[in-house]
Every structure is written in C-alpha cells, then in structure tokens.
Amino acid sequence: MYSYQPVPYNQYQIDYHYYYRQQQDVVNRIYSAFRGEHPDLINELETSGMDGELITYINRSVIQYTLTNANQYTGTLLNRTNSLYENMLKQIPWLTYLFRAYRLSANQMRRILRTVIRFTFLQLRNAY
C-alpha cells in the first residue's frame, strides 16, 4: 500500500534544531552575564513577589526578542533601545499586565526592560 517515505534532505534545507540550539546558547550566555552584572534588578523583581522561574522567563523572552529583532533598528544605542522597547510592548502586551499584577509601576517596568534590552545590544556589539 502506501508507505511513509521521508523527503530527502538537501543542502538548501536548514537544520532548524541546530540553529535553535545555537540561539538558545546565546540567550543563556547573555542572561548569565546579565544576572552577574545586574543582581539589583533581579532582586527588585524578587522583592515584588515574582519567583525565580518567572523572572528567568521574562528576561529570556526579552533577550530572545531583542536578538531576533536587533537588525531592524539603527541609530544610537538609546534610540535603538527605546524603539525596540516600544515595539516589543505592542507585540507582547502581556508584559505590561504581568508587571501591573505584581504592583510594579510603568516606570519600573520601563527601566528594567530597557536595561535588559540595552544590555543585550551591548553584548551583541561586543560579540562582533
């Protein structure tokens, strides 16, 4: 009858898992460096009641978003950080609700998330 025959792999297909793992390694490296350089921000989120896993998820999501979209922004570091921050909040609106749920002000959210974005941009600049 019919048997399953996989599509043959050719040189134009991308090994998705390989590139995904590579990007996750970069996210892990940047997040580890961020935790080392900004323990005060991690502590501020913990003090608000967030647990460590949620803090890690938020920061890794912001780092991942920054890495994925960094090449779309030009200008000074401040301009790129602000533009990416504004667009990120439009595309990931749950971040705003999450910070509000933990009674963090809009200024605190802006300062924390922009610090993560700026740090990621600096790590990218240092890597290349």
Protein backbone atom coordinates (compact mmCIF):
# COMPACT_ATOMS: atom_id res chain seq x y z
CA MET A 1 0.00 0.00 0.00
CA TYR A 2 1.24 3.41 0.99
CA SER A 3 4.40 3.67 2.96
CA TYR A 4 5.98 6.69 4.52
CA GLN A 5 8.98 7.92 2.62
CA PRO A 6 10.71 10.91 4.14
CA VAL A 7 11.56 13.83 1.95
CA PRO A 8 15.25 13.60 1.18
CA TYR A 9 17.41 16.19 2.93
CA ASN A 10 19.11 18.58 0.55
CA GLN A 11 21.70 21.29 1.01
CA TYR A 12 19.10 24.08 0.98
CA GLN A 13 17.14 22.87 3.96
CA ILE A 14 18.02 24.46 7.27
CA ASP A 15 18.65 22.30 10.28
CA TYR A 16 16.17 24.18 12.45
CA HIS A 17 17.11 22.44 15.66
CA TYR A 18 20.80 23.23 15.22
CA TYR A 19 20.15 26.96 14.79
CA TYR A 20 17.53 26.99 17.54
CA ARG A 21 20.01 25.40 19.97
CA GLN A 22 22.67 27.88 18.93
CA GLN A 23 20.39 30.82 19.64
CA GLN A 24 19.37 29.33 23.00
CA ASP A 25 23.05 29.07 23.91
CA VAL A 26 23.46 32.77 23.12
CA VAL A 27 20.38 33.62 25.21
CA ASN A 28 21.75 31.56 28.11
CA ARG A 29 25.14 33.26 27.89
CA ILE A 30 23.63 36.76 27.79
CA TYR A 31 21.21 36.02 30.64
CA SER A 32 24.01 34.62 32.82
CA ALA A 33 26.07 37.75 32.20
CA PHE A 34 23.04 39.94 32.92
CA ARG A 35 22.39 38.21 36.24
CA GLY A 36 26.01 38.76 37.18
CA GLU A 37 26.05 42.46 36.30
CA HIS A 38 22.53 43.42 37.42
CA PRO A 39 21.65 41.44 40.56
CA ASP A 40 19.86 44.54 41.86
CA LEU A 41 17.22 44.29 39.11
CA ILE A 42 16.72 40.58 39.73
CA ASN A 43 16.38 41.34 43.45
CA GLU A 44 13.85 44.10 42.72
CA LEU A 45 11.67 41.63 40.82
CA GLU A 46 12.02 39.03 43.59
CA THR A 47 11.04 41.65 46.17
CA SER A 48 7.85 42.35 44.21
CA GLY A 49 6.86 38.70 44.66
CA MET A 50 7.96 37.16 41.37
CA ASP A 51 9.54 33.74 41.66
CA GLY A 52 12.85 32.89 40.04
CA GLU A 53 11.36 30.92 37.16
CA LEU A 54 9.08 33.78 36.15
CA ILE A 55 11.95 36.26 36.33
CA THR A 56 14.07 33.97 34.16
CA TYR A 57 11.22 33.54 31.66
CA ILE A 58 10.62 37.29 31.37
CA ASN A 59 14.29 38.15 30.93
CA ARG A 60 14.94 35.32 28.48
CA SER A 61 11.87 36.40 26.46
CA VAL A 62 13.14 39.98 26.27
CA ILE A 63 16.64 38.82 25.31
CA GLN A 64 15.22 36.48 22.66
CA TYR A 65 13.01 39.24 21.26
CA THR A 66 15.97 41.63 21.15
CA LEU A 67 18.20 39.10 19.38
CA THR A 68 15.51 38.32 16.83
CA ASN A 69 14.72 41.96 16.03
CA ALA A 70 18.01 43.78 16.66
CA ASN A 71 18.89 44.15 12.98
CA GLN A 72 15.70 46.16 12.33
CA TYR A 73 16.90 49.14 14.38
CA THR A 74 19.53 51.74 13.60
CA GLY A 75 20.82 54.83 15.32
CA THR A 76 22.34 55.35 18.72
CA LEU A 77 22.11 52.73 21.44
CA LEU A 78 19.49 54.84 23.22
CA ASN A 79 17.36 55.22 20.07
CA ARG A 80 17.53 51.51 19.27
CA THR A 81 16.70 50.58 22.87
CA ASN A 82 13.70 52.91 23.04
CA SER A 83 12.33 51.88 19.63
CA LEU A 84 12.68 48.18 20.33
CA TYR A 85 11.10 48.62 23.77
CA GLU A 86 8.04 50.39 22.33
CA ASN A 87 7.58 47.81 19.57
CA MET A 88 8.08 44.92 21.98
CA LEU A 89 5.28 46.16 24.24
CA LYS A 90 2.98 46.36 21.21
CA GLN A 91 3.79 42.79 20.20
CA ILE A 92 3.98 41.31 23.71
CA PRO A 93 1.26 43.16 25.64
CA TRP A 94 1.14 40.59 28.44
CA LEU A 95 4.40 42.02 29.81
CA THR A 96 2.56 45.17 30.86
CA TYR A 97 -0.20 43.20 32.56
CA LEU A 98 2.31 40.96 34.30
CA PHE A 99 4.24 43.88 35.78
CA ARG A 100 0.98 45.51 36.89
CA ALA A 101 -0.14 42.27 38.55
CA TYR A 102 2.99 42.42 40.73
CA ARG A 103 2.35 46.10 41.51
CA LEU A 104 5.38 47.33 39.62
CA SER A 105 4.95 50.82 38.18
CA ALA A 106 5.23 51.66 34.50
CA ASN A 107 8.50 53.47 35.29
CA GLN A 108 9.93 50.39 37.00
CA MET A 109 8.90 48.19 34.08
CA ARG A 110 10.39 50.63 31.57
CA ARG A 111 13.67 50.88 33.49
CA ILE A 112 14.04 47.11 33.98
CA LEU A 113 13.10 46.03 30.46
CA ARG A 114 15.13 48.77 28.80
CA THR A 115 18.13 47.72 30.88
CA VAL A 116 17.75 44.14 29.61
CA ILE A 117 17.41 45.37 26.01
CA ARG A 118 20.38 47.75 26.28
CA PHE A 119 22.50 45.03 27.88
CA THR A 120 21.62 42.63 25.04
CA PHE A 121 22.53 45.24 22.40
CA LEU A 122 25.87 45.79 24.14
CA GLN A 123 26.53 42.05 24.25
CA LEU A 124 25.81 41.82 20.52
CA ARG A 125 28.15 44.70 19.81
CA ASN A 126 30.91 43.08 21.88
CA ALA A 127 30.40 39.72 20.15
CA TYR A 128 31.02 41.07 16.64
